Protein backbone atom coordinates (compact mmCIF):
# COMPACT_ATOMS: atom_id res chain seq x y z
CA GLY A 1 -43.35 0.24 3.39
CA ILE A 2 -41.47 1.75 6.35
CA ALA A 3 -41.71 0.29 9.86
CA LEU A 4 -40.84 2.81 12.56
CA ARG A 5 -39.95 1.58 16.03
CA CYS A 6 -39.69 4.27 18.71
CA GLN A 7 -38.68 4.17 22.34
CA ARG A 8 -41.34 6.74 23.06
CA GLY A 9 -44.68 7.51 21.44
CA GLY A 10 -44.01 11.22 21.17
CA VAL A 11 -41.16 10.57 18.74
CA GLY A 12 -43.41 8.23 16.77
CA MET A 13 -45.87 11.04 16.24
CA ALA A 14 -43.20 12.95 14.31
CA VAL A 15 -43.39 10.46 11.46
CA ILE A 16 -47.08 11.07 10.77
CA GLY A 17 -46.74 14.61 9.41
CA PHE A 18 -43.41 13.82 7.75
CA THR A 19 -44.73 10.86 5.77
CA ARG A 20 -48.00 12.58 4.86
CA SER A 21 -46.19 15.64 3.52
CA ARG A 22 -43.96 13.43 1.37
CA GLY A 23 -46.56 10.88 0.30
CA ILE A 24 -44.83 7.90 1.93
CA GLY A 25 -46.82 5.28 3.83
CA VAL A 26 -45.72 3.31 6.88
CA SER A 27 -46.32 -0.36 7.61
CA ALA A 28 -46.20 0.14 11.40
CA ILE A 29 -45.40 2.66 14.12
CA LEU A 30 -44.53 1.18 17.51
CA GLY A 31 -43.75 2.87 20.82
CA MET A 32 -41.91 0.40 23.08
CA GLY A 33 -41.36 2.43 26.22
CA ASN A 34 -39.46 0.53 28.91
CA LYS A 35 -39.31 -2.71 26.87
CA VAL A 36 -40.49 -5.02 29.64
CA ASP A 37 -40.78 -8.11 27.43
CA ILE A 38 -40.13 -7.08 23.80
CA ASP A 39 -36.79 -5.77 22.58
CA GLU A 40 -35.27 -4.49 19.32
CA ASP A 41 -34.13 -7.92 18.17
CA ASP A 42 -37.71 -9.24 18.44
CA LEU A 43 -38.97 -6.51 16.14
CA LEU A 44 -36.10 -6.93 13.69
CA GLU A 45 -36.96 -10.61 13.33
CA PHE A 46 -40.65 -9.81 12.89
CA PHE A 47 -40.19 -7.07 10.28
CA ALA A 48 -37.62 -9.12 8.37
CA GLN A 49 -40.43 -11.47 7.34
CA ASP A 50 -43.23 -8.89 7.18
CA PRO A 51 -44.26 -8.56 3.49
CA ASN A 52 -45.55 -5.01 4.10
CA THR A 53 -42.19 -3.73 5.36
CA ARG A 54 -39.28 -2.81 3.09
CA VAL A 55 -37.30 -0.53 5.42
CA ILE A 56 -36.90 -0.65 9.22
CA ALA A 57 -36.30 2.61 11.11
CA ILE A 58 -35.39 2.47 14.81
CA HIS A 59 -35.31 5.20 17.44
CA MET A 60 -33.63 3.89 20.58
CA GLU A 61 -32.26 5.15 23.85
CA ASP A 62 -30.65 1.90 24.94
CA VAL A 63 -30.44 -1.82 24.11
CA LYS A 64 -31.33 -4.48 26.69
CA ASP A 65 -29.41 -7.31 25.02
CA GLY A 66 -26.63 -5.97 22.85
CA LEU A 67 -25.44 -9.31 21.48
CA ALA A 68 -28.96 -10.39 20.52
CA PHE A 69 -29.52 -7.06 18.78
CA MET A 70 -26.27 -7.30 16.82
CA LYS A 71 -26.94 -10.87 15.78
CA ALA A 72 -30.42 -10.03 14.53
CA ALA A 73 -29.34 -6.77 12.89
CA LYS A 74 -26.44 -8.38 11.04
CA ARG A 75 -28.79 -10.90 9.43
CA VAL A 76 -31.77 -8.63 8.81
CA SER A 77 -29.75 -5.68 7.42
CA LYS A 78 -28.64 -7.80 4.48
CA ILE A 79 -32.29 -8.41 3.60
CA LYS A 80 -33.81 -5.02 4.34
CA PRO A 81 -32.23 -1.65 5.18
CA VAL A 82 -32.11 -0.88 8.90
CA VAL A 83 -31.66 2.77 9.95
CA ALA A 84 -31.18 3.70 13.60
CA LEU A 85 -31.18 6.90 15.63
CA LYS A 86 -29.46 6.31 18.97
CA THR A 87 -30.36 9.13 21.33
CA GLY A 88 -28.89 9.80 24.74
CA ARG A 89 -25.43 9.79 23.15
CA THR A 90 -24.29 12.91 25.04
CA PRO A 91 -23.95 13.26 28.83
CA LEU A 92 -26.98 15.58 28.94
CA GLY A 93 -29.06 13.34 26.66
CA SER A 94 -28.07 10.26 28.65
CA ARG A 95 -29.34 11.82 31.89
CA ALA A 96 -32.59 12.78 30.18
CA ALA A 97 -33.09 9.22 28.90
CA ALA A 98 -32.51 7.77 32.36
CA SER A 99 -35.06 10.14 33.86
CA HIS A 100 -38.04 8.90 31.83
CA THR A 101 -37.34 5.29 30.79
CA ALA A 102 -34.51 4.32 33.14
CA ALA A 103 -32.42 3.73 30.01
CA LEU A 104 -28.72 3.16 30.54
CA ALA A 105 -27.48 4.85 27.40
CA GLY A 106 -23.92 3.50 27.51
CA ALA A 107 -20.76 4.68 25.77
CA ASP A 108 -21.57 6.11 22.35
CA GLU A 109 -18.41 4.64 20.82
CA VAL A 110 -19.68 1.14 21.65
CA PHE A 111 -22.98 1.76 19.86
CA ASP A 112 -21.13 3.27 16.90
CA ALA A 113 -18.98 0.16 16.52
CA ALA A 114 -21.95 -2.18 17.04
CA PHE A 115 -23.95 -0.45 14.30
CA ARG A 116 -21.05 -0.63 11.86
CA GLN A 117 -20.40 -4.31 12.56
CA SER A 118 -24.06 -5.24 12.21
CA GLY A 119 -24.76 -3.25 9.04
CA VAL A 120 -27.09 -0.70 10.66
CA ILE A 121 -27.10 2.74 9.05
CA ARG A 122 -26.69 5.22 11.87
CA ALA A 123 -28.57 8.53 11.70
CA ARG A 124 -27.50 11.43 13.90
CA THR A 125 -30.78 13.37 13.80
CA LEU A 126 -34.48 12.57 13.66
CA PHE A 127 -34.67 14.17 10.22
CA GLU A 128 -31.92 11.85 8.95
CA LEU A 129 -33.72 8.81 10.37
CA LEU A 130 -36.99 9.66 8.64
CA ASP A 131 -35.47 11.02 5.44
CA TRP A 132 -33.03 8.15 4.90
CA ALA A 133 -35.76 5.61 5.56
CA ARG A 134 -38.01 7.13 2.89
CA VAL A 135 -35.14 7.41 0.39
CA LEU A 136 -34.17 3.78 0.96
CA TYR A 137 -37.81 2.96 0.28
CA MET A 138 -38.05 5.16 -2.83
CA LEU A 139 -34.82 4.45 -4.69
CA PRO A 140 -33.69 1.31 -6.53
CA GLN A 141 -30.45 -0.45 -5.66
CA PRO A 142 -27.35 1.06 -7.29
CA GLN A 143 -25.49 -1.26 -9.64
CA GLY A 144 -22.11 0.32 -9.03
CA GLU A 145 -20.15 3.18 -7.49
CA ASN A 146 -20.06 5.60 -10.45
CA ILE A 147 -21.93 8.80 -9.60
CA PHE A 148 -22.65 11.49 -12.20
CA ILE A 149 -23.17 15.08 -11.02
CA HIS A 150 -25.38 17.04 -13.44
CA THR A 151 -25.54 20.72 -12.51
CA SER A 152 -26.42 24.07 -14.03
CA ALA A 153 -24.01 26.06 -11.85
CA GLY A 154 -20.29 25.56 -11.32
CA GLY A 155 -20.39 26.65 -7.69
CA LEU A 156 -23.17 24.22 -6.87
CA GLY A 157 -21.20 21.48 -8.59
CA VAL A 158 -18.22 22.15 -6.31
CA ILE A 159 -20.47 21.96 -3.23
CA LEU A 160 -21.94 18.66 -4.43
CA ALA A 161 -18.47 17.27 -5.22
CA ASP A 162 -17.26 18.13 -1.71
CA ALA A 163 -20.35 16.48 -0.24
CA LEU A 164 -19.72 13.30 -2.26
CA TYR A 165 -16.18 13.12 -0.93
CA ASP A 166 -17.31 13.78 2.65
CA HIS A 167 -19.80 10.91 2.44
CA GLY A 168 -17.39 8.42 0.89
CA LEU A 169 -18.95 8.44 -2.57
CA LYS A 170 -17.22 8.38 -5.95
CA ALA A 171 -17.63 10.96 -8.71
CA MET A 172 -16.98 8.92 -11.84
CA GLU A 173 -14.36 9.76 -14.45
CA ILE A 174 -16.15 10.76 -17.66
CA PRO A 175 -15.13 8.48 -20.58
CA ALA A 176 -14.20 10.20 -23.84
CA ASP A 177 -17.22 8.90 -25.74
CA LEU A 178 -19.60 10.08 -23.01
CA GLU A 179 -17.95 13.51 -23.05
CA GLN A 180 -18.39 13.72 -26.82
CA ALA A 181 -22.08 12.85 -26.51
CA LEU A 182 -22.54 15.61 -23.94
CA ARG A 183 -20.70 18.17 -26.08
CA LYS A 184 -23.50 17.98 -28.63
CA TYR A 185 -25.77 19.81 -26.18
CA ILE A 186 -23.69 21.58 -23.54
CA PRO A 187 -22.09 24.98 -24.37
CA VAL A 188 -18.32 24.92 -24.96
CA PHE A 189 -17.83 27.02 -21.81
CA GLY A 190 -19.49 24.35 -19.68
CA SER A 191 -17.57 21.71 -17.75
CA PHE A 192 -17.21 18.18 -19.09
CA LYS A 193 -15.28 16.83 -16.13
CA ASN A 194 -17.48 15.52 -13.35
CA PRO A 195 -19.30 17.59 -12.01
CA ILE A 196 -20.87 18.15 -15.44
CA ASP A 197 -21.84 21.83 -15.68
CA VAL A 198 -24.52 22.42 -18.33
CA THR A 199 -24.30 26.13 -17.31
CA GLY A 200 -26.92 28.64 -16.24
CA SER A 201 -27.59 29.47 -19.88
CA SER A 202 -28.88 25.96 -20.59
CA THR A 203 -32.31 25.66 -22.16
CA PRO A 204 -34.87 23.04 -21.11
CA GLU A 205 -33.75 20.97 -24.11
CA VAL A 206 -30.13 21.01 -22.96
CA GLN A 207 -31.19 20.01 -19.45
CA ALA A 208 -33.34 17.16 -20.76
CA GLU A 209 -31.01 15.80 -23.45
CA SER A 210 -27.89 15.85 -21.28
CA ALA A 211 -29.84 14.14 -18.51
CA LYS A 212 -31.07 11.46 -20.93
CA ILE A 213 -27.48 10.72 -21.98
CA ALA A 214 -26.45 10.16 -18.35
CA ILE A 215 -29.56 8.15 -17.48
CA ARG A 216 -29.13 5.80 -20.44
CA ASP A 217 -25.39 5.22 -20.05
CA PRO A 218 -24.89 1.91 -18.19
CA ARG A 219 -21.57 3.14 -16.80
CA VAL A 220 -23.46 5.81 -14.85
CA HIS A 221 -24.81 4.11 -11.75
CA SER A 222 -26.37 7.06 -9.90
CA ILE A 223 -27.09 10.71 -10.64
CA VAL A 224 -27.12 13.85 -8.50
CA PHE A 225 -28.98 16.72 -10.15
CA GLY A 226 -28.00 20.22 -9.08
CA TYR A 227 -30.36 22.97 -10.25
CA TRP A 228 -29.69 26.70 -10.10
CA HIS A 229 -32.69 29.01 -10.59
CA THR A 230 -32.57 30.76 -13.99
CA ILE A 231 -34.97 32.72 -16.17
CA ILE A 232 -34.12 30.55 -19.20
CA THR A 233 -35.13 27.37 -17.42
CA PRO A 234 -37.40 28.19 -14.45
CA PRO A 235 -37.77 25.64 -11.62
CA MET A 236 -40.93 23.88 -12.83
CA VAL A 237 -39.67 23.82 -16.41
CA PHE A 238 -36.49 22.13 -15.18
CA ALA A 239 -38.46 19.67 -13.04
CA ARG A 240 -40.72 18.67 -15.93
CA ALA A 241 -37.77 18.24 -18.29
CA ILE A 242 -35.96 15.94 -15.86
CA GLY A 243 -39.16 14.14 -14.84
CA GLU A 244 -40.03 13.36 -18.45
CA ALA A 245 -36.50 12.12 -19.15
CA VAL A 246 -36.68 9.78 -16.16
CA GLU A 247 -40.13 8.47 -17.11
CA GLU A 248 -39.02 7.75 -20.69
CA ALA A 249 -36.07 5.74 -19.38
CA ARG A 250 -38.24 3.79 -16.95
CA LYS A 251 -40.52 2.73 -19.80
CA GLU A 252 -37.40 1.19 -21.35
CA GLY A 253 -36.57 -0.61 -18.10
CA ILE A 254 -33.77 1.78 -17.11
CA VAL A 255 -33.78 2.64 -13.41
CA LYS A 256 -31.04 3.97 -11.17
CA PRO A 257 -30.84 6.03 -7.97
CA MET A 258 -31.27 9.77 -8.56
CA VAL A 259 -31.52 12.68 -6.15
CA ALA A 260 -31.82 16.42 -6.73
CA SER A 261 -30.71 19.61 -5.02
CA LEU A 262 -32.50 22.80 -6.06
CA SER A 263 -31.31 26.32 -5.23
CA GLY A 264 -33.11 29.56 -5.90
CA ASP A 265 -36.27 31.41 -4.93
CA VAL A 266 -39.26 29.71 -3.31
CA GLU A 267 -40.48 28.30 -6.65
CA VAL A 268 -37.86 25.56 -6.26
CA GLU A 269 -40.00 24.08 -3.47
CA GLU A 270 -42.84 23.33 -5.90
CA ALA A 271 -40.33 21.89 -8.37
CA ALA A 272 -38.90 19.66 -5.65
CA ARG A 273 -42.37 18.32 -4.84
CA TYR A 274 -42.92 17.56 -8.53
CA LEU A 275 -39.66 15.61 -8.75
CA GLU A 276 -40.51 13.75 -5.54
CA ALA A 277 -43.75 12.61 -7.16
CA LYS A 278 -41.62 11.25 -10.01
CA GLY A 279 -39.56 9.17 -7.56
CA ILE A 280 -36.59 11.53 -7.26
CA PRO A 281 -35.90 12.63 -3.66
CA SER A 282 -35.37 16.39 -3.91
CA TYR A 283 -34.01 18.97 -1.51
CA PRO A 284 -34.57 22.72 -1.85
CA TYR A 285 -31.64 24.82 -0.62
CA SER A 286 -29.64 21.87 0.75
CA PRO A 287 -27.08 20.11 -1.48
CA ASP A 288 -25.59 18.16 1.41
CA GLN A 289 -28.93 16.58 2.34
CA ALA A 290 -29.34 15.27 -1.20
CA VAL A 291 -25.90 13.65 -1.13
CA SER A 292 -26.37 12.43 2.44
CA ALA A 293 -29.54 10.60 1.38
CA LEU A 294 -27.80 8.96 -1.58
CA ALA A 295 -24.94 7.98 0.71
CA ALA A 296 -27.41 6.10 2.95
CA VAL A 297 -28.49 4.06 -0.07
CA TYR A 298 -24.87 3.21 -0.82
CA ARG A 299 -24.10 2.29 2.78
CA TRP A 300 -26.89 -0.27 2.69
CA ALA A 301 -25.94 -1.54 -0.78
CA ARG A 302 -22.35 -2.08 0.30
CA ASN A 303 -23.36 -3.85 3.48
CA ALA A 304 -25.82 -6.10 1.63
CA GLY A 305 -23.22 -6.96 -1.00
CA VAL A 306 -25.18 -5.32 -3.83
CA VAL A 307 -22.22 -3.00 -4.55
CA GLN A 308 -18.62 -4.11 -4.18
CA VAL A 309 -16.25 -1.31 -3.24
CA LYS A 310 -13.16 -1.30 -5.45
CA LYS A 311 -9.73 -0.17 -4.33
CA GLU A 312 -8.15 2.82 -6.06
CA SER A 313 -5.67 0.50 -7.82
CA GLU A 314 -8.40 -1.63 -9.42
């Protein structure tokens, strides 16, 4: 469901291993080279109506017709997410681009403003381009801004909270009735203020039941799971507990964006793959990448009007 447009074929090859390793298919991979007669706006218009494409990912070194691109992107990005990696943004990169495609990279500030105005989600690295595209493909639309952090380690919760703030996301205030529901399972020395810390002593039952409470609460719009490797709840035990909770909710028609960050020994990599298979993008060792991916989903949802950003006074 992901269409990848690349300026050069070598970059396009990067997606093959990435998508295979993560079980995500692509609708098309195109290398455009010097763009003699086809430009980005042509492809945006094509993929907007392509039934096999749900997300459009663009690697570009320049734009031939900036106004045509912005016009097309502004319309298409409200229908389908558009993620772009603009390379040649530094003096050294710009010279390199000119040497092999004669691309005039242009001032990076201009591209930055053009992307924002046209609703394009700008990636800064190739990993972000590919990862955000797959997450936008995998996750459902959020129904609001309230994000629930569910973690088994206080320190990891702080890292995730900082990452939410850095990416312009909102950690929801926990209502009194939701806190009371969580207190039935979480130890008294846990934290009941978002981030919710179920503690490192939590059993698989505590992990599962507290997750179910968050998943089923309609005031919780998205969830970030933070896992810390423990003997009481090993990585795969945690992954199965969360995976089963998510599957139960889906059978009841409850879906919402969820991502996971797992820290610990190498067993967390297998657990992350298990959660990925359950539709939860998961990141071993990297809390910021989990939040960054969720932020991409919110950037598209806000641009498309799916989520309305409220002011602090509202």
